[in-house]
Amino acid sequence: MVLVELFVSPNCPHCPAAKLAVAKARKKFKGDEIDFHKYRTTTPEGKAKAARYDLLGVPAVFVDGEMIRGEITEEKVVDLIDRKLHPQTKKSFFSKILGK
């Protein structure tokens, strides 16, 4: 299971797009594969969680503690979740060539 944490703020102009990207990405995985939490940085709980990551701005998405950098897109969220769920599935250059 992968922990996905989304940090947003009510006045953030980019947060609706990030929320949509994460929502679309979540639909590509089984419910038991993702433990999802959304935090509003205006709440005490959200402020405390954001402080643990030294978060300075929103929107922000963390997947098992790794932050998505730059624009938060569905593709970036899916890719990072997939890499966290299946860390050993990437084949080396030689494995691809030799078919092993």
N, C-alpha and C. Protein backbone atom coordinates (compact mmCIF):
# COMPACT_ATOMS: atom_id res chain seq x y z
N MET A 1 0.84 -1.18 0.00
CA MET A 1 0.00 0.00 0.00
C MET A 1 0.88 1.25 0.00
N VAL A 2 0.43 2.24 -0.74
CA VAL A 2 1.18 3.49 -0.89
C VAL A 2 0.40 4.62 -0.22
N LEU A 3 1.11 5.46 0.51
CA LEU A 3 0.50 6.62 1.15
C LEU A 3 0.58 7.81 0.21
N VAL A 4 -0.58 8.37 -0.15
CA VAL A 4 -0.65 9.55 -1.00
C VAL A 4 -1.24 10.68 -0.17
N GLU A 5 -0.48 11.79 -0.08
CA GLU A 5 -0.93 12.93 0.70
C GLU A 5 -0.99 14.17 -0.19
N LEU A 6 -2.15 14.81 -0.18
CA LEU A 6 -2.38 16.02 -0.97
C LEU A 6 -2.57 17.18 -0.01
N PHE A 7 -1.80 18.24 -0.22
CA PHE A 7 -1.91 19.45 0.60
C PHE A 7 -2.48 20.57 -0.25
N VAL A 8 -3.55 21.19 0.25
CA VAL A 8 -4.22 22.27 -0.47
C VAL A 8 -4.58 23.39 0.49
N SER A 9 -5.00 24.50 -0.10
CA SER A 9 -5.45 25.67 0.64
C SER A 9 -6.66 26.24 -0.09
N PRO A 10 -7.63 26.80 0.63
CA PRO A 10 -8.83 27.30 -0.03
C PRO A 10 -8.58 28.45 -1.01
N ASN A 11 -7.56 29.23 -0.80
CA ASN A 11 -7.29 30.39 -1.65
C ASN A 11 -6.27 30.13 -2.75
N CYS A 12 -5.85 28.90 -2.88
CA CYS A 12 -4.81 28.54 -3.85
C CYS A 12 -5.41 28.40 -5.25
N PRO A 13 -4.91 29.15 -6.22
CA PRO A 13 -5.47 29.07 -7.57
C PRO A 13 -5.10 27.78 -8.32
N HIS A 14 -4.03 27.11 -7.91
CA HIS A 14 -3.57 25.89 -8.60
C HIS A 14 -4.09 24.61 -7.94
N CYS A 15 -4.67 24.74 -6.76
CA CYS A 15 -5.11 23.55 -6.02
C CYS A 15 -6.24 22.78 -6.70
N PRO A 16 -7.24 23.43 -7.31
CA PRO A 16 -8.28 22.63 -7.98
C PRO A 16 -7.73 21.71 -9.07
N ALA A 17 -6.76 22.17 -9.84
CA ALA A 17 -6.16 21.33 -10.88
C ALA A 17 -5.40 20.17 -10.26
N ALA A 18 -4.71 20.42 -9.15
CA ALA A 18 -3.97 19.35 -8.47
C ALA A 18 -4.93 18.32 -7.89
N LYS A 19 -6.03 18.78 -7.30
CA LYS A 19 -7.03 17.86 -6.76
C LYS A 19 -7.59 16.98 -7.86
N LEU A 20 -7.87 17.56 -9.01
CA LEU A 20 -8.41 16.81 -10.14
C LEU A 20 -7.40 15.78 -10.64
N ALA A 21 -6.14 16.18 -10.74
CA ALA A 21 -5.09 15.26 -11.20
C ALA A 21 -4.96 14.07 -10.26
N VAL A 22 -4.99 14.32 -8.97
CA VAL A 22 -4.87 13.23 -7.99
C VAL A 22 -6.11 12.34 -8.04
N ALA A 23 -7.29 12.93 -8.17
CA ALA A 23 -8.52 12.15 -8.24
C ALA A 23 -8.50 11.22 -9.45
N LYS A 24 -8.08 11.73 -10.60
CA LYS A 24 -8.01 10.91 -11.81
C LYS A 24 -6.97 9.80 -11.64
N ALA A 25 -5.84 10.12 -11.05
CA ALA A 25 -4.78 9.12 -10.85
C ALA A 25 -5.24 8.01 -9.90
N ARG A 26 -5.97 8.39 -8.86
CA ARG A 26 -6.44 7.39 -7.89
C ARG A 26 -7.35 6.36 -8.54
N LYS A 27 -8.11 6.76 -9.55
CA LYS A 27 -9.04 5.85 -10.22
C LYS A 27 -8.33 4.74 -11.00
N LYS A 28 -7.05 4.92 -11.25
CA LYS A 28 -6.29 3.93 -12.02
C LYS A 28 -5.74 2.80 -11.15
N PHE A 29 -5.97 2.90 -9.85
CA PHE A 29 -5.45 1.89 -8.92
C PHE A 29 -6.59 1.30 -8.10
N LYS A 30 -6.36 0.12 -7.56
CA LYS A 30 -7.33 -0.52 -6.69
C LYS A 30 -7.39 0.24 -5.36
N GLY A 31 -8.54 0.19 -4.74
CA GLY A 31 -8.73 0.90 -3.47
C GLY A 31 -7.77 0.50 -2.38
N ASP A 32 -7.37 -0.77 -2.36
CA ASP A 32 -6.47 -1.23 -1.31
C ASP A 32 -4.99 -0.95 -1.61
N GLU A 33 -4.72 -0.35 -2.76
CA GLU A 33 -3.33 -0.03 -3.11
C GLU A 33 -2.91 1.35 -2.62
N ILE A 34 -3.90 2.22 -2.32
CA ILE A 34 -3.60 3.60 -1.97
C ILE A 34 -4.28 3.97 -0.66
N ASP A 35 -3.51 4.56 0.22
CA ASP A 35 -4.02 5.17 1.45
C ASP A 35 -3.96 6.67 1.22
N PHE A 36 -5.10 7.30 0.92
CA PHE A 36 -5.13 8.69 0.51
C PHE A 36 -5.58 9.61 1.64
N HIS A 37 -4.87 10.75 1.77
CA HIS A 37 -5.24 11.77 2.75
C HIS A 37 -5.12 13.15 2.10
N LYS A 38 -6.14 13.96 2.29
CA LYS A 38 -6.09 15.35 1.82
C LYS A 38 -6.03 16.24 3.06
N TYR A 39 -5.09 17.18 3.05
CA TYR A 39 -4.92 18.10 4.17
C TYR A 39 -5.10 19.53 3.70
N ARG A 40 -5.89 20.28 4.43
CA ARG A 40 -6.00 21.72 4.19
C ARG A 40 -5.00 22.39 5.12
N THR A 41 -4.13 23.18 4.55
CA THR A 41 -3.07 23.79 5.36
C THR A 41 -3.59 24.89 6.27
N THR A 42 -4.88 25.17 6.21
CA THR A 42 -5.48 26.16 7.10
C THR A 42 -6.01 25.53 8.39
N THR A 43 -5.98 24.19 8.47
CA THR A 43 -6.44 23.50 9.68
C THR A 43 -5.24 23.13 10.56
N PRO A 44 -5.47 22.94 11.86
CA PRO A 44 -4.35 22.53 12.73
C PRO A 44 -3.68 21.24 12.27
N GLU A 45 -4.49 20.25 11.87
CA GLU A 45 -3.91 18.98 11.40
C GLU A 45 -3.09 19.20 10.13
N GLY A 46 -3.62 19.99 9.20
CA GLY A 46 -2.91 20.27 7.96
C GLY A 46 -1.62 21.02 8.19
N LYS A 47 -1.65 21.99 9.09
CA LYS A 47 -0.44 22.75 9.42
C LYS A 47 0.62 21.84 10.04
N ALA A 48 0.19 20.96 10.93
CA ALA A 48 1.14 20.04 11.57
C ALA A 48 1.77 19.09 10.56
N LYS A 49 0.95 18.52 9.68
CA LYS A 49 1.49 17.62 8.65
C LYS A 49 2.42 18.35 7.70
N ALA A 50 2.03 19.55 7.29
CA ALA A 50 2.87 20.35 6.38
C ALA A 50 4.20 20.68 7.04
N ALA A 51 4.19 20.95 8.32
CA ALA A 51 5.43 21.26 9.04
C ALA A 51 6.37 20.06 9.07
N ARG A 52 5.82 18.86 9.13
CA ARG A 52 6.66 17.65 9.13
C ARG A 52 7.45 17.52 7.84
N TYR A 53 6.90 18.03 6.74
CA TYR A 53 7.57 17.98 5.45
C TYR A 53 8.30 19.29 5.13
N ASP A 54 8.28 20.25 6.06
CA ASP A 54 8.85 21.59 5.80
C ASP A 54 8.24 22.19 4.54
N LEU A 55 6.95 21.98 4.37
CA LEU A 55 6.23 22.44 3.19
C LEU A 55 6.04 23.95 3.24
N LEU A 56 6.39 24.62 2.16
CA LEU A 56 6.30 26.08 2.11
C LEU A 56 5.19 26.58 1.20
N GLY A 57 4.64 25.70 0.36
CA GLY A 57 3.61 26.15 -0.57
C GLY A 57 2.70 25.02 -0.98
N VAL A 58 1.57 25.38 -1.55
CA VAL A 58 0.60 24.41 -2.04
C VAL A 58 0.25 24.76 -3.48
N PRO A 59 -0.22 23.84 -4.24
CA PRO A 59 -0.52 22.46 -3.87
C PRO A 59 0.76 21.63 -3.77
N ALA A 60 0.66 20.56 -3.03
CA ALA A 60 1.79 19.63 -2.91
C ALA A 60 1.24 18.22 -2.78
N VAL A 61 1.93 17.28 -3.41
CA VAL A 61 1.57 15.87 -3.33
C VAL A 61 2.80 15.09 -2.93
N PHE A 62 2.62 14.22 -1.94
CA PHE A 62 3.68 13.32 -1.49
C PHE A 62 3.18 11.89 -1.66
N VAL A 63 4.04 11.04 -2.20
CA VAL A 63 3.73 9.61 -2.34
C VAL A 63 4.79 8.86 -1.56
N ASP A 64 4.37 8.24 -0.48
CA ASP A 64 5.30 7.58 0.44
C ASP A 64 6.46 8.50 0.81
N GLY A 65 6.14 9.76 1.05
CA GLY A 65 7.14 10.72 1.51
C GLY A 65 7.92 11.42 0.41
N GLU A 66 7.75 11.01 -0.84
CA GLU A 66 8.46 11.63 -1.96
C GLU A 66 7.56 12.67 -2.62
N MET A 67 8.06 13.88 -2.71
CA MET A 67 7.26 14.98 -3.26
C MET A 67 7.31 15.01 -4.78
N ILE A 68 6.16 15.29 -5.38
CA ILE A 68 6.10 15.50 -6.82
C ILE A 68 6.54 16.93 -7.08
N ARG A 69 7.54 17.10 -7.91
CA ARG A 69 8.10 18.43 -8.20
C ARG A 69 7.41 19.06 -9.40
N GLY A 70 7.32 20.37 -9.38
CA GLY A 70 6.74 21.10 -10.51
C GLY A 70 5.23 20.95 -10.55
N GLU A 71 4.70 21.09 -11.76
CA GLU A 71 3.26 20.99 -11.95
C GLU A 71 2.76 19.59 -11.59
N ILE A 72 1.67 19.53 -10.86
CA ILE A 72 1.10 18.25 -10.47
C ILE A 72 0.13 17.80 -11.55
N THR A 73 0.54 16.75 -12.27
CA THR A 73 -0.29 16.22 -13.35
C THR A 73 -0.70 14.79 -13.01
N GLU A 74 -1.75 14.33 -13.66
CA GLU A 74 -2.20 12.96 -13.48
C GLU A 74 -1.08 11.98 -13.80
N GLU A 75 -0.35 12.25 -14.88
CA GLU A 75 0.73 11.35 -15.30
C GLU A 75 1.83 11.25 -14.25
N LYS A 76 2.21 12.37 -13.67
CA LYS A 76 3.25 12.35 -12.63
C LYS A 76 2.79 11.57 -11.40
N VAL A 77 1.54 11.77 -11.01
CA VAL A 77 1.01 11.06 -9.84
C VAL A 77 0.96 9.57 -10.11
N VAL A 78 0.43 9.18 -11.26
CA VAL A 78 0.34 7.76 -11.62
C VAL A 78 1.73 7.14 -11.66
N ASP A 79 2.68 7.82 -12.28
CA ASP A 79 4.03 7.28 -12.41
C ASP A 79 4.67 7.05 -11.05
N LEU A 80 4.55 8.03 -10.15
CA LEU A 80 5.18 7.87 -8.84
C LEU A 80 4.50 6.80 -8.01
N ILE A 81 3.17 6.73 -8.05
CA ILE A 81 2.47 5.66 -7.33
C ILE A 81 2.90 4.30 -7.88
N ASP A 82 2.95 4.18 -9.20
CA ASP A 82 3.34 2.91 -9.82
C ASP A 82 4.76 2.52 -9.43
N ARG A 83 5.67 3.49 -9.43
CA ARG A 83 7.06 3.18 -9.04
C ARG A 83 7.15 2.75 -7.59
N LYS A 84 6.31 3.32 -6.73
CA LYS A 84 6.32 2.93 -5.31
C LYS A 84 5.67 1.56 -5.10
N LEU A 85 4.64 1.27 -5.88
CA LEU A 85 3.98 -0.03 -5.76
C LEU A 85 4.80 -1.17 -6.35
N HIS A 86 5.53 -0.87 -7.42
CA HIS A 86 6.29 -1.90 -8.15
C HIS A 86 7.74 -1.47 -8.35
N PRO A 87 8.50 -1.36 -7.28
CA PRO A 87 9.86 -0.82 -7.41
C PRO A 87 10.83 -1.72 -8.18
N GLN A 88 10.56 -3.00 -8.26
CA GLN A 88 11.50 -3.92 -8.91
C GLN A 88 11.14 -4.24 -10.36
N THR A 89 10.12 -3.61 -10.90
CA THR A 89 9.66 -4.00 -12.23
C THR A 89 10.48 -3.37 -13.36
N LYS A 90 11.28 -2.36 -13.06
CA LYS A 90 12.07 -1.75 -14.12
C LYS A 90 13.24 -2.67 -14.47
N LYS A 91 13.38 -2.93 -15.77
CA LYS A 91 14.47 -3.80 -16.23
C LYS A 91 15.66 -2.95 -16.64
N SER A 92 16.81 -3.52 -16.45
CA SER A 92 18.03 -2.83 -16.86
C SER A 92 18.13 -2.86 -18.38
N PHE A 93 19.02 -2.05 -18.90
CA PHE A 93 19.26 -1.99 -20.33
C PHE A 93 19.60 -3.37 -20.89
N PHE A 94 20.50 -4.10 -20.20
CA PHE A 94 20.92 -5.41 -20.67
C PHE A 94 19.81 -6.44 -20.57
N SER A 95 18.97 -6.35 -19.53
CA SER A 95 17.84 -7.26 -19.40
C SER A 95 16.87 -7.09 -20.55
N LYS A 96 16.66 -5.87 -20.96
CA LYS A 96 15.75 -5.61 -22.08
C LYS A 96 16.31 -6.21 -23.37
N ILE A 97 17.61 -6.03 -23.59
CA ILE A 97 18.24 -6.53 -24.83
C ILE A 97 18.29 -8.06 -24.84
N LEU A 98 18.65 -8.65 -23.69
CA LEU A 98 18.81 -10.09 -23.63
C LEU A 98 17.49 -10.82 -23.38
N GLY A 99 16.44 -10.05 -23.06
CA GLY A 99 15.14 -10.66 -22.82
C GLY A 99 15.03 -11.39 -21.52
N LYS A 100 15.82 -10.98 -20.53
CA LYS A 100 15.79 -11.66 -19.22
C LYS A 100 15.21 -10.76 -18.18
